[in-house]
Amino acid sequence: MLDYVVQITNDATRISPGDHDRLRAVGFDDRGILQITLIASWFNYINRVADALGVGRDTPPPP
């Protein structure tokens, strides 16, 4: 599962049916795969938004 999440984070366009098959082989069903995908994708999205807005930074980024 964690390898799948890392792949979503690094380059989701490279996810293949084989990645889903590997998740199924260790016990995840389609609903579980969907949940993993949605949660990882949401965290990636919201972290990029926060980074772009400087949320949590004590000092502004250098020019």
N, C-alpha and C. Protein backbone atom coordinates (compact mmCIF):
# COMPACT_ATOMS: atom_id res chain seq x y z
N MET A 1 0.82 -1.18 0.00
CA MET A 1 0.00 0.00 0.00
C MET A 1 0.87 1.25 0.00
N LEU A 2 1.91 1.26 0.82
CA LEU A 2 2.74 2.46 0.90
C LEU A 2 3.50 2.70 -0.41
N ASP A 3 3.94 1.64 -1.07
CA ASP A 3 4.57 1.82 -2.39
C ASP A 3 3.60 2.46 -3.37
N TYR A 4 2.35 2.04 -3.32
CA TYR A 4 1.30 2.60 -4.19
C TYR A 4 1.11 4.08 -3.89
N VAL A 5 1.06 4.43 -2.62
CA VAL A 5 0.88 5.83 -2.23
C VAL A 5 2.07 6.68 -2.68
N VAL A 6 3.27 6.14 -2.54
CA VAL A 6 4.45 6.87 -3.00
C VAL A 6 4.38 7.10 -4.50
N GLN A 7 3.93 6.08 -5.24
CA GLN A 7 3.81 6.24 -6.69
C GLN A 7 2.76 7.29 -7.05
N ILE A 8 1.66 7.32 -6.33
CA ILE A 8 0.65 8.38 -6.56
C ILE A 8 1.29 9.74 -6.35
N THR A 9 2.07 9.86 -5.29
CA THR A 9 2.70 11.14 -4.95
C THR A 9 3.74 11.54 -5.98
N ASN A 10 4.54 10.59 -6.43
CA ASN A 10 5.62 10.90 -7.37
C ASN A 10 5.14 11.09 -8.80
N ASP A 11 4.27 10.22 -9.28
CA ASP A 11 3.78 10.30 -10.66
C ASP A 11 2.59 9.36 -10.84
N ALA A 12 1.43 9.87 -10.57
CA ALA A 12 0.21 9.06 -10.64
C ALA A 12 -0.08 8.56 -12.05
N THR A 13 0.48 9.20 -13.06
CA THR A 13 0.22 8.75 -14.43
C THR A 13 0.86 7.40 -14.72
N ARG A 14 1.76 6.95 -13.84
CA ARG A 14 2.42 5.66 -14.04
C ARG A 14 1.73 4.51 -13.31
N ILE A 15 0.63 4.79 -12.63
CA ILE A 15 -0.14 3.73 -11.98
C ILE A 15 -0.75 2.87 -13.08
N SER A 16 -0.66 1.55 -12.90
CA SER A 16 -1.18 0.63 -13.91
C SER A 16 -2.11 -0.38 -13.25
N PRO A 17 -2.84 -1.12 -14.05
CA PRO A 17 -3.67 -2.19 -13.49
C PRO A 17 -2.86 -3.18 -12.65
N GLY A 18 -1.59 -3.36 -12.99
CA GLY A 18 -0.73 -4.23 -12.21
C GLY A 18 -0.56 -3.75 -10.78
N ASP A 19 -0.52 -2.43 -10.59
CA ASP A 19 -0.42 -1.87 -9.24
C ASP A 19 -1.67 -2.23 -8.43
N HIS A 20 -2.81 -2.16 -9.08
CA HIS A 20 -4.06 -2.52 -8.40
C HIS A 20 -4.10 -4.02 -8.11
N ASP A 21 -3.60 -4.81 -9.03
CA ASP A 21 -3.55 -6.26 -8.81
C ASP A 21 -2.68 -6.61 -7.61
N ARG A 22 -1.56 -5.90 -7.44
CA ARG A 22 -0.69 -6.16 -6.29
C ARG A 22 -1.41 -5.81 -4.98
N LEU A 23 -2.20 -4.75 -4.98
CA LEU A 23 -2.98 -4.41 -3.79
C LEU A 23 -4.03 -5.48 -3.50
N ARG A 24 -4.67 -5.96 -4.55
CA ARG A 24 -5.67 -7.03 -4.36
C ARG A 24 -5.02 -8.29 -3.81
N ALA A 25 -3.80 -8.57 -4.26
CA ALA A 25 -3.10 -9.79 -3.83
C ALA A 25 -2.80 -9.79 -2.34
N VAL A 26 -2.73 -8.60 -1.74
CA VAL A 26 -2.46 -8.53 -0.30
C VAL A 26 -3.73 -8.22 0.50
N GLY A 27 -4.89 -8.30 -0.17
CA GLY A 27 -6.14 -8.23 0.57
C GLY A 27 -7.02 -7.01 0.39
N PHE A 28 -6.59 -6.05 -0.40
CA PHE A 28 -7.43 -4.87 -0.62
C PHE A 28 -8.44 -5.16 -1.72
N ASP A 29 -9.69 -4.75 -1.49
CA ASP A 29 -10.71 -4.87 -2.52
C ASP A 29 -10.80 -3.53 -3.27
N ASP A 30 -11.69 -3.46 -4.24
CA ASP A 30 -11.80 -2.23 -5.04
C ASP A 30 -12.15 -1.02 -4.18
N ARG A 31 -13.00 -1.22 -3.20
CA ARG A 31 -13.36 -0.11 -2.32
C ARG A 31 -12.14 0.37 -1.53
N GLY A 32 -11.34 -0.56 -1.03
CA GLY A 32 -10.12 -0.19 -0.31
C GLY A 32 -9.14 0.54 -1.19
N ILE A 33 -8.99 0.08 -2.42
CA ILE A 33 -8.08 0.74 -3.37
C ILE A 33 -8.58 2.15 -3.66
N LEU A 34 -9.87 2.31 -3.82
CA LEU A 34 -10.44 3.64 -4.03
C LEU A 34 -10.16 4.54 -2.83
N GLN A 35 -10.37 4.02 -1.64
CA GLN A 35 -10.14 4.82 -0.43
C GLN A 35 -8.67 5.23 -0.31
N ILE A 36 -7.77 4.30 -0.55
CA ILE A 36 -6.34 4.63 -0.50
C ILE A 36 -6.02 5.73 -1.51
N THR A 37 -6.54 5.58 -2.72
CA THR A 37 -6.29 6.54 -3.79
C THR A 37 -6.84 7.91 -3.44
N LEU A 38 -8.07 7.96 -2.95
CA LEU A 38 -8.68 9.25 -2.62
C LEU A 38 -7.96 9.94 -1.47
N ILE A 39 -7.63 9.20 -0.44
CA ILE A 39 -6.96 9.81 0.72
C ILE A 39 -5.57 10.31 0.35
N ALA A 40 -4.79 9.49 -0.35
CA ALA A 40 -3.44 9.92 -0.75
C ALA A 40 -3.52 11.14 -1.68
N SER A 41 -4.44 11.11 -2.61
CA SER A 41 -4.58 12.22 -3.55
C SER A 41 -5.01 13.50 -2.85
N TRP A 42 -5.92 13.37 -1.91
CA TRP A 42 -6.39 14.55 -1.16
C TRP A 42 -5.24 15.16 -0.36
N PHE A 43 -4.48 14.34 0.33
CA PHE A 43 -3.35 14.86 1.10
C PHE A 43 -2.32 15.52 0.19
N ASN A 44 -2.04 14.92 -0.96
CA ASN A 44 -1.13 15.55 -1.91
C ASN A 44 -1.65 16.91 -2.35
N TYR A 45 -2.92 16.96 -2.67
CA TYR A 45 -3.55 18.21 -3.11
C TYR A 45 -3.47 19.29 -2.03
N ILE A 46 -3.93 18.95 -0.83
CA ILE A 46 -4.01 19.96 0.22
C ILE A 46 -2.63 20.42 0.66
N ASN A 47 -1.65 19.53 0.63
CA ASN A 47 -0.28 19.93 0.97
C ASN A 47 0.30 20.88 -0.07
N ARG A 48 -0.01 20.65 -1.33
CA ARG A 48 0.48 21.56 -2.37
C ARG A 48 -0.18 22.93 -2.24
N VAL A 49 -1.45 22.97 -1.92
CA VAL A 49 -2.14 24.24 -1.69
C VAL A 49 -1.50 24.97 -0.52
N ALA A 50 -1.30 24.26 0.58
CA ALA A 50 -0.69 24.88 1.76
C ALA A 50 0.72 25.38 1.45
N ASP A 51 1.51 24.59 0.73
CA ASP A 51 2.86 25.02 0.35
C ASP A 51 2.81 26.27 -0.51
N ALA A 52 1.91 26.30 -1.48
CA ALA A 52 1.81 27.45 -2.38
C ALA A 52 1.41 28.72 -1.64
N LEU A 53 0.62 28.58 -0.58
CA LEU A 53 0.16 29.74 0.19
C LEU A 53 1.08 30.06 1.36
N GLY A 54 2.08 29.24 1.58
CA GLY A 54 3.01 29.48 2.67
C GLY A 54 2.46 29.15 4.04
N VAL A 55 1.45 28.31 4.10
CA VAL A 55 0.85 27.94 5.37
C VAL A 55 1.88 27.22 6.23
N GLY A 56 2.03 27.68 7.47
CA GLY A 56 2.94 27.03 8.41
C GLY A 56 4.37 27.52 8.35
N ARG A 57 4.67 28.42 7.46
CA ARG A 57 6.03 28.96 7.39
C ARG A 57 6.15 30.11 8.37
N ASP A 58 7.26 30.11 9.09
CA ASP A 58 7.52 31.20 10.03
C ASP A 58 8.04 32.43 9.32
N THR A 59 8.77 32.22 8.25
CA THR A 59 9.31 33.35 7.49
C THR A 59 8.91 33.18 6.03
N PRO A 60 8.80 34.28 5.32
CA PRO A 60 8.44 34.16 3.90
C PRO A 60 9.59 33.50 3.12
N PRO A 61 9.27 32.84 2.02
CA PRO A 61 10.33 32.23 1.20
C PRO A 61 11.22 33.31 0.58
N PRO A 62 12.45 32.96 0.27
CA PRO A 62 13.34 33.95 -0.36
C PRO A 62 12.81 34.35 -1.73
N PRO A 63 13.12 35.57 -2.14
CA PRO A 63 12.65 36.05 -3.46
C PRO A 63 13.27 35.32 -4.62
